[in-house]
Protein backbone atom coordinates (compact mmCIF):
# COMPACT_ATOMS: atom_id res chain seq x y z
CA UNK A 1 0.00 0.00 0.00
CA UNK A 2 2.81 2.44 0.86
CA UNK A 3 4.49 1.80 -2.51
CA UNK A 4 1.23 2.66 -4.30
CA UNK A 5 0.86 5.90 -2.31
CA UNK A 6 4.46 6.91 -2.95
CA UNK A 7 4.03 6.12 -6.65
CA UNK A 8 0.89 8.25 -6.85
CA UNK A 9 2.53 11.22 -5.13
CA UNK A 10 5.63 10.98 -7.34
CA UNK A 11 3.47 10.71 -10.47
CA UNK A 12 1.53 13.81 -9.51
CA UNK A 13 4.75 15.67 -8.77
CA UNK A 14 6.13 14.69 -12.16
CA UNK A 15 2.92 15.76 -13.89
CA UNK A 16 2.99 19.13 -12.12
CA UNK A 17 6.65 19.76 -12.97
CA UNK A 18 6.78 18.57 -16.59
CA UNK A 19 3.59 19.91 -18.12
CA UNK A 20 3.84 23.63 -18.78
CA UNK A 21 0.40 24.10 -20.35
CA UNK A 22 -2.25 25.30 -17.98
CA UNK A 23 -2.16 26.90 -14.58
CA UNK A 24 -1.11 25.82 -11.08
CA UNK A 25 -3.26 27.03 -8.21
CA UNK A 26 -2.23 26.85 -4.57
CA UNK A 27 -4.62 27.80 -1.80
CA UNK A 28 -4.89 27.88 1.97
CA UNK A 29 -8.15 28.08 3.84
CA UNK A 30 -10.35 27.25 6.77
CA UNK A 31 -13.21 24.77 6.77
CA UNK A 32 -16.11 23.77 8.96
CA UNK A 33 -18.17 20.65 8.55
CA UNK A 34 -20.79 18.35 9.99
CA UNK A 35 -19.01 15.10 10.87
CA UNK A 36 -20.26 11.64 11.80
CA UNK A 37 -18.00 9.00 13.38
CA UNK A 38 -19.83 5.76 13.98
CA UNK A 39 -23.01 6.68 15.88
CA UNK A 40 -21.67 10.04 17.14
CA UNK A 41 -22.12 13.42 15.43
CA UNK A 42 -20.24 16.66 15.81
CA UNK A 43 -18.57 19.65 14.20
CA UNK A 44 -15.11 19.56 12.62
CA UNK A 45 -12.86 22.60 12.07
CA UNK A 46 -9.98 22.28 9.59
CA UNK A 47 -6.98 24.14 8.21
CA UNK A 48 -6.76 23.25 4.49
CA UNK A 49 -3.92 23.39 1.93
CA UNK A 50 -4.40 22.47 -1.72
CA UNK A 51 -2.29 22.55 -4.89
CA UNK A 52 -3.92 21.75 -8.20
CA UNK A 53 -2.97 21.97 -11.84
CA UNK A 54 -5.60 22.95 -14.37
CA UNK A 55 -4.67 22.00 -17.92
CA UNK A 56 -5.72 24.01 -20.98
CA UNK A 57 -8.48 21.47 -21.71
CA UNK A 58 -10.03 22.02 -18.23
CA UNK A 59 -8.86 18.76 -16.65
CA UNK A 60 -7.53 19.26 -13.14
CA UNK A 61 -5.40 17.13 -10.86
CA UNK A 62 -4.43 18.06 -7.35
CA UNK A 63 -3.26 17.11 -3.91
CA UNK A 64 -4.44 18.47 -0.59
CA UNK A 65 -4.09 18.16 3.16
CA UNK A 66 -6.34 18.97 6.07
CA UNK A 67 -5.48 19.25 9.76
CA UNK A 68 -8.27 19.84 12.23
CA UNK A 69 -10.19 19.04 15.35
CA UNK A 70 -13.65 17.53 15.82
CA UNK A 71 -15.91 18.32 18.76
CA UNK A 72 -18.18 15.31 19.12
CA UNK A 73 -21.43 15.11 21.10
CA UNK A 74 -21.08 13.27 24.44
CA UNK A 75 -17.29 12.86 24.04
CA UNK A 76 -15.12 14.48 26.71
CA UNK A 77 -11.97 15.00 24.59
CA UNK A 78 -11.46 16.57 21.19
CA UNK A 79 -10.58 14.28 18.30
CA UNK A 80 -7.70 15.34 16.06
CA UNK A 81 -8.01 14.84 12.32
CA UNK A 82 -5.39 14.72 9.55
CA UNK A 83 -5.97 13.67 5.98
CA UNK A 84 -4.35 13.80 2.58
CA UNK A 85 -6.14 13.48 -0.72
CA UNK A 86 -5.51 13.19 -4.44
CA UNK A 87 -8.16 14.62 -6.73
CA UNK A 88 -9.08 14.67 -10.40
CA UNK A 89 -11.84 16.66 -12.02
CA UNK A 90 -12.86 19.31 -14.51
CA UNK A 91 -12.84 23.12 -14.32
CA UNK A 92 -14.79 25.55 -16.49
CA UNK A 93 -14.71 29.34 -15.92
CA UNK A 94 -13.80 29.10 -12.24
CA UNK A 95 -16.25 26.29 -11.42
CA UNK A 96 -14.73 22.87 -10.68
CA UNK A 97 -16.25 19.49 -9.98
CA UNK A 98 -13.98 16.69 -8.81
CA UNK A 99 -13.64 13.33 -7.14
CA UNK A 100 -10.88 12.34 -4.74
CA UNK A 101 -9.32 9.52 -2.79
CA UNK A 102 -8.25 10.19 0.78
CA UNK A 103 -6.14 8.76 3.60
CA UNK A 104 -7.47 9.67 7.06
CA UNK A 105 -5.95 9.66 10.54
CA UNK A 106 -7.94 10.59 13.64
CA UNK A 107 -7.12 10.20 17.28
CA UNK A 108 -7.27 11.54 20.79
CA UNK A 109 -5.40 10.93 24.03
CA UNK A 110 -6.66 7.35 24.20
CA UNK A 111 -6.68 6.01 20.62
CA UNK A 112 -5.39 6.33 17.04
CA UNK A 113 -7.38 5.31 13.98
CA UNK A 114 -6.69 5.12 10.23
CA UNK A 115 -8.78 4.65 7.11
CA UNK A 116 -9.01 5.07 3.33
CA UNK A 117 -11.95 6.46 1.42
CA UNK A 118 -13.07 9.04 -1.10
CA UNK A 119 -15.49 11.75 -1.94
CA UNK A 120 -16.62 14.44 -4.31
CA UNK A 121 -16.60 18.21 -4.29
CA UNK A 122 -17.57 21.44 -5.99
CA UNK A 123 -15.31 24.51 -6.04
CA UNK A 124 -16.05 28.03 -7.24
CA UNK A 125 -13.52 30.83 -7.63
CA UNK A 126 -15.52 34.09 -7.94
CA UNK A 127 -12.42 36.33 -7.63
CA UNK A 128 -8.71 35.89 -8.37
CA UNK A 129 -7.72 35.31 -4.74
CA UNK A 130 -10.85 33.71 -3.24
CA UNK A 131 -12.36 30.26 -3.62
CA UNK A 132 -15.39 28.62 -2.03
CA UNK A 133 -15.49 24.85 -1.80
CA UNK A 134 -18.02 22.27 -0.62
CA UNK A 135 -17.21 18.58 -0.42
CA UNK A 136 -18.36 15.29 1.01
CA UNK A 137 -15.93 12.65 2.27
CA UNK A 138 -16.73 9.07 3.28
CA UNK A 139 -14.26 6.69 4.88
CA UNK A 140 -15.85 3.31 5.57
CA UNK A 141 -14.33 1.04 8.19
CA UNK A 142 -11.91 3.35 9.99
CA UNK A 143 -9.99 1.01 12.30
CA UNK A 144 -8.36 1.99 15.58
CA UNK A 145 -5.40 0.29 17.26
CA UNK A 146 -7.75 -1.90 19.36
CA UNK A 147 -9.48 -3.36 16.29
CA UNK A 148 -12.69 -1.32 16.68
CA UNK A 149 -14.06 -0.14 13.32
CA UNK A 150 -16.51 2.63 12.47
CA UNK A 151 -17.55 4.76 9.49
CA UNK A 152 -16.42 8.38 9.13
CA UNK A 153 -18.22 10.92 6.94
CA UNK A 154 -18.22 14.70 6.67
CA UNK A 155 -19.91 17.40 4.62
CA UNK A 156 -17.65 20.45 4.72
CA UNK A 157 -17.53 24.06 3.45
CA UNK A 158 -14.20 25.80 2.89
CA UNK A 159 -13.20 29.37 2.12
CA UNK A 160 -9.66 29.79 0.81
CA UNK A 161 -7.13 32.35 -0.26
CA UNK A 162 -5.74 31.49 -3.72
CA UNK A 163 -2.08 32.42 -4.35
């Protein structure tokens, strides 16, 4: 699995560095979302970084990371979230639709959990330095170090500064 992930990241890096046609967009933003972990619901707050390349034909590829915290109902401690994703989609006049695969880590003082999943999103860039993004992520069967599994899903809205 690690070889496949490394291969994907290297392939994306090569694609970004060797293809001069199109535009590279980097952005940093904040996100808030409604999260569900197993049978518990809550609110997640994230710091988001994304780099994507939009080719002249409108095809986009990108990578992104999120680091955040989730406040869950009836849970005494905050849950820390980190994820990385690889996305592919299409952009037309500042409006993008895309799908992505993601690797998720979440944990607290008492456990660590990992999972793989995917999702879809919609991004709109109304001005040169502002983008608005909504996405949905689903990670079935997140497994913690004790063997307990649960589903993770989030619907999130992000506002970002585009460099």
